[in-house]
Amino acid sequence: MARKLNEQRVIIEFLQSGSYVKVSAFDPVSMVEVSIVGDPASGEAVLKHAVLRKLKYVLEKKSQSQPRGRGTVV
């Protein structure tokens, strides 16, 4: 079972470069970082929502791919 992501502890960075903005999200607990690239006209809230969705997706995938504990019945 995956742990619940505490969005208040996630570090989010916006880096505008010309006609696009790169948004990165870093979870300090799992040490996982993801990035997206988007249109700055989308707005900060939309881009933040998108990068948090991607971070949750990646964390869920990682939790599913980890080997099960010893003695776990599948």
N, C-alpha and C. Protein backbone atom coordinates (compact mmCIF):
# COMPACT_ATOMS: atom_id res chain seq x y z
N MET A 1 0.84 -1.19 0.00
CA MET A 1 0.00 0.00 0.00
C MET A 1 0.88 1.24 0.00
N ALA A 2 0.55 2.16 -0.87
CA ALA A 2 1.35 3.39 -0.99
C ALA A 2 0.99 4.36 0.13
N ARG A 3 1.98 5.10 0.57
CA ARG A 3 1.72 6.11 1.60
C ARG A 3 1.06 7.32 0.95
N LYS A 4 0.36 8.09 1.76
CA LYS A 4 -0.30 9.30 1.26
C LYS A 4 0.74 10.40 1.11
N LEU A 5 0.74 11.05 -0.03
CA LEU A 5 1.68 12.13 -0.31
C LEU A 5 1.25 13.39 0.44
N ASN A 6 2.17 13.94 1.21
CA ASN A 6 1.92 15.20 1.91
C ASN A 6 2.33 16.34 0.97
N GLU A 7 1.34 16.91 0.29
CA GLU A 7 1.62 17.93 -0.73
C GLU A 7 2.25 19.18 -0.15
N GLN A 8 2.05 19.44 1.14
CA GLN A 8 2.63 20.62 1.76
C GLN A 8 4.14 20.49 1.91
N ARG A 9 4.67 19.27 1.88
CA ARG A 9 6.11 19.06 2.04
C ARG A 9 6.83 18.92 0.70
N VAL A 10 6.07 18.84 -0.38
CA VAL A 10 6.66 18.70 -1.71
C VAL A 10 7.27 20.04 -2.13
N ILE A 11 8.47 19.97 -2.67
CA ILE A 11 9.16 21.17 -3.16
C ILE A 11 8.84 21.31 -4.64
N ILE A 12 8.31 22.46 -5.02
CA ILE A 12 7.94 22.70 -6.42
C ILE A 12 8.73 23.89 -6.94
N GLU A 13 9.29 23.71 -8.14
CA GLU A 13 10.11 24.76 -8.75
C GLU A 13 9.58 25.06 -10.15
N PHE A 14 9.45 26.34 -10.46
CA PHE A 14 9.04 26.81 -11.78
C PHE A 14 10.23 27.50 -12.42
N LEU A 15 10.59 27.08 -13.64
CA LEU A 15 11.73 27.67 -14.33
C LEU A 15 11.29 28.02 -15.75
N GLN A 16 11.07 29.31 -16.00
CA GLN A 16 10.64 29.73 -17.33
C GLN A 16 11.84 29.91 -18.24
N SER A 17 11.70 29.37 -19.45
CA SER A 17 12.75 29.48 -20.44
C SER A 17 12.10 29.78 -21.79
N GLY A 18 12.10 31.01 -22.16
CA GLY A 18 11.49 31.38 -23.43
C GLY A 18 9.99 31.20 -23.40
N SER A 19 9.48 30.40 -24.33
CA SER A 19 8.04 30.23 -24.48
C SER A 19 7.47 29.05 -23.70
N TYR A 20 8.26 28.45 -22.80
CA TYR A 20 7.75 27.35 -22.00
C TYR A 20 8.25 27.49 -20.56
N VAL A 21 7.64 26.71 -19.67
CA VAL A 21 8.05 26.69 -18.28
C VAL A 21 8.24 25.23 -17.86
N LYS A 22 9.35 24.96 -17.22
CA LYS A 22 9.62 23.63 -16.68
C LYS A 22 9.22 23.67 -15.20
N VAL A 23 8.39 22.68 -14.81
CA VAL A 23 7.93 22.60 -13.42
C VAL A 23 8.44 21.27 -12.86
N SER A 24 9.16 21.36 -11.75
CA SER A 24 9.69 20.16 -11.09
C SER A 24 9.05 20.04 -9.71
N ALA A 25 8.80 18.80 -9.30
CA ALA A 25 8.28 18.51 -7.96
C ALA A 25 9.17 17.45 -7.33
N PHE A 26 9.56 17.70 -6.07
CA PHE A 26 10.47 16.81 -5.35
C PHE A 26 9.83 16.41 -4.03
N ASP A 27 9.73 15.09 -3.81
CA ASP A 27 9.20 14.57 -2.54
C ASP A 27 10.40 14.24 -1.65
N PRO A 28 10.62 15.00 -0.56
CA PRO A 28 11.80 14.79 0.27
C PRO A 28 11.77 13.48 1.06
N VAL A 29 10.61 12.87 1.23
CA VAL A 29 10.54 11.61 1.96
C VAL A 29 11.06 10.46 1.10
N SER A 30 10.58 10.36 -0.13
CA SER A 30 10.98 9.26 -1.01
C SER A 30 12.17 9.60 -1.89
N MET A 31 12.55 10.89 -1.92
CA MET A 31 13.65 11.37 -2.76
C MET A 31 13.35 11.20 -4.26
N VAL A 32 12.08 11.28 -4.63
CA VAL A 32 11.65 11.16 -6.02
C VAL A 32 11.38 12.56 -6.57
N GLU A 33 11.87 12.80 -7.78
CA GLU A 33 11.64 14.08 -8.46
C GLU A 33 11.06 13.81 -9.83
N VAL A 34 10.09 14.62 -10.22
CA VAL A 34 9.51 14.55 -11.56
C VAL A 34 9.46 15.95 -12.14
N SER A 35 9.37 16.03 -13.46
CA SER A 35 9.29 17.33 -14.14
C SER A 35 8.28 17.25 -15.27
N ILE A 36 7.71 18.40 -15.57
CA ILE A 36 6.86 18.55 -16.75
C ILE A 36 7.26 19.84 -17.44
N VAL A 37 6.86 19.99 -18.69
CA VAL A 37 7.07 21.22 -19.42
C VAL A 37 5.71 21.68 -19.90
N GLY A 38 5.42 22.97 -19.71
CA GLY A 38 4.11 23.47 -20.09
C GLY A 38 4.15 24.90 -20.58
N ASP A 39 2.99 25.36 -20.97
CA ASP A 39 2.80 26.73 -21.45
C ASP A 39 2.62 27.66 -20.25
N PRO A 40 3.42 28.71 -20.15
CA PRO A 40 3.27 29.63 -19.02
C PRO A 40 1.87 30.26 -18.94
N ALA A 41 1.19 30.36 -20.06
CA ALA A 41 -0.15 30.93 -20.07
C ALA A 41 -1.17 30.04 -19.36
N SER A 42 -0.81 28.77 -19.12
CA SER A 42 -1.71 27.85 -18.41
C SER A 42 -1.97 28.30 -16.99
N GLY A 43 -1.00 28.97 -16.42
CA GLY A 43 -1.14 29.43 -15.04
C GLY A 43 -0.46 28.50 -14.05
N GLU A 44 -0.02 29.09 -12.95
CA GLU A 44 0.72 28.34 -11.94
C GLU A 44 -0.11 27.21 -11.32
N ALA A 45 -1.37 27.46 -11.05
CA ALA A 45 -2.22 26.46 -10.39
C ALA A 45 -2.39 25.21 -11.27
N VAL A 46 -2.61 25.42 -12.56
CA VAL A 46 -2.79 24.29 -13.49
C VAL A 46 -1.51 23.48 -13.60
N LEU A 47 -0.38 24.16 -13.74
CA LEU A 47 0.90 23.47 -13.86
C LEU A 47 1.26 22.73 -12.57
N LYS A 48 0.98 23.35 -11.43
CA LYS A 48 1.24 22.71 -10.13
C LYS A 48 0.40 21.45 -9.99
N HIS A 49 -0.86 21.54 -10.36
CA HIS A 49 -1.75 20.37 -10.30
C HIS A 49 -1.22 19.24 -11.18
N ALA A 50 -0.77 19.58 -12.37
CA ALA A 50 -0.28 18.57 -13.31
C ALA A 50 0.98 17.89 -12.79
N VAL A 51 1.92 18.65 -12.23
CA VAL A 51 3.16 18.05 -11.75
C VAL A 51 2.91 17.21 -10.49
N LEU A 52 1.96 17.61 -9.66
CA LEU A 52 1.62 16.81 -8.48
C LEU A 52 0.94 15.50 -8.89
N ARG A 53 0.09 15.56 -9.93
CA ARG A 53 -0.51 14.33 -10.46
C ARG A 53 0.55 13.37 -10.95
N LYS A 54 1.56 13.90 -11.66
CA LYS A 54 2.63 13.05 -12.17
C LYS A 54 3.44 12.47 -11.02
N LEU A 55 3.73 13.26 -10.00
CA LEU A 55 4.48 12.76 -8.85
C LEU A 55 3.72 11.63 -8.16
N LYS A 56 2.43 11.80 -7.95
CA LYS A 56 1.61 10.75 -7.33
C LYS A 56 1.63 9.49 -8.19
N TYR A 57 1.54 9.64 -9.50
CA TYR A 57 1.56 8.50 -10.41
C TYR A 57 2.88 7.74 -10.31
N VAL A 58 3.99 8.47 -10.33
CA VAL A 58 5.31 7.84 -10.26
C VAL A 58 5.49 7.13 -8.91
N LEU A 59 5.08 7.75 -7.83
CA LEU A 59 5.20 7.12 -6.51
C LEU A 59 4.35 5.86 -6.43
N GLU A 60 3.16 5.88 -7.00
CA GLU A 60 2.30 4.70 -7.02
C GLU A 60 2.94 3.57 -7.82
N LYS A 61 3.49 3.91 -8.98
CA LYS A 61 4.17 2.90 -9.81
C LYS A 61 5.36 2.29 -9.06
N LYS A 62 6.14 3.13 -8.38
CA LYS A 62 7.29 2.63 -7.63
C LYS A 62 6.85 1.72 -6.49
N SER A 63 5.76 2.04 -5.82
CA SER A 63 5.30 1.20 -4.71
C SER A 63 4.78 -0.14 -5.22
N GLN A 64 4.22 -0.17 -6.42
CA GLN A 64 3.73 -1.42 -6.99
C GLN A 64 4.87 -2.31 -7.47
N SER A 65 5.98 -1.72 -7.87
CA SER A 65 7.08 -2.50 -8.42
C SER A 65 8.04 -3.01 -7.35
N GLN A 66 7.90 -2.55 -6.11
CA GLN A 66 8.79 -3.01 -5.04
C GLN A 66 8.43 -4.44 -4.68
N PRO A 67 9.46 -5.27 -4.40
CA PRO A 67 9.17 -6.66 -4.03
C PRO A 67 8.39 -6.74 -2.72
N ARG A 68 7.55 -7.72 -2.63
CA ARG A 68 6.75 -7.90 -1.44
C ARG A 68 7.61 -8.42 -0.30
N GLY A 69 7.18 -8.15 0.90
CA GLY A 69 7.92 -8.58 2.09
C GLY A 69 7.93 -10.08 2.25
N ARG A 70 8.82 -10.55 3.04
CA ARG A 70 8.97 -11.98 3.29
C ARG A 70 7.72 -12.51 3.98
N GLY A 71 7.22 -13.63 3.51
CA GLY A 71 6.06 -14.25 4.10
C GLY A 71 4.74 -13.68 3.64
N THR A 72 4.78 -12.78 2.66
CA THR A 72 3.56 -12.19 2.15
C THR A 72 2.90 -13.15 1.17
N VAL A 73 1.62 -13.40 1.37
CA VAL A 73 0.88 -14.26 0.48
C VAL A 73 0.30 -13.39 -0.62
N VAL A 74 0.53 -13.81 -1.87
CA VAL A 74 0.05 -13.04 -3.00
C VAL A 74 -1.24 -13.61 -3.51
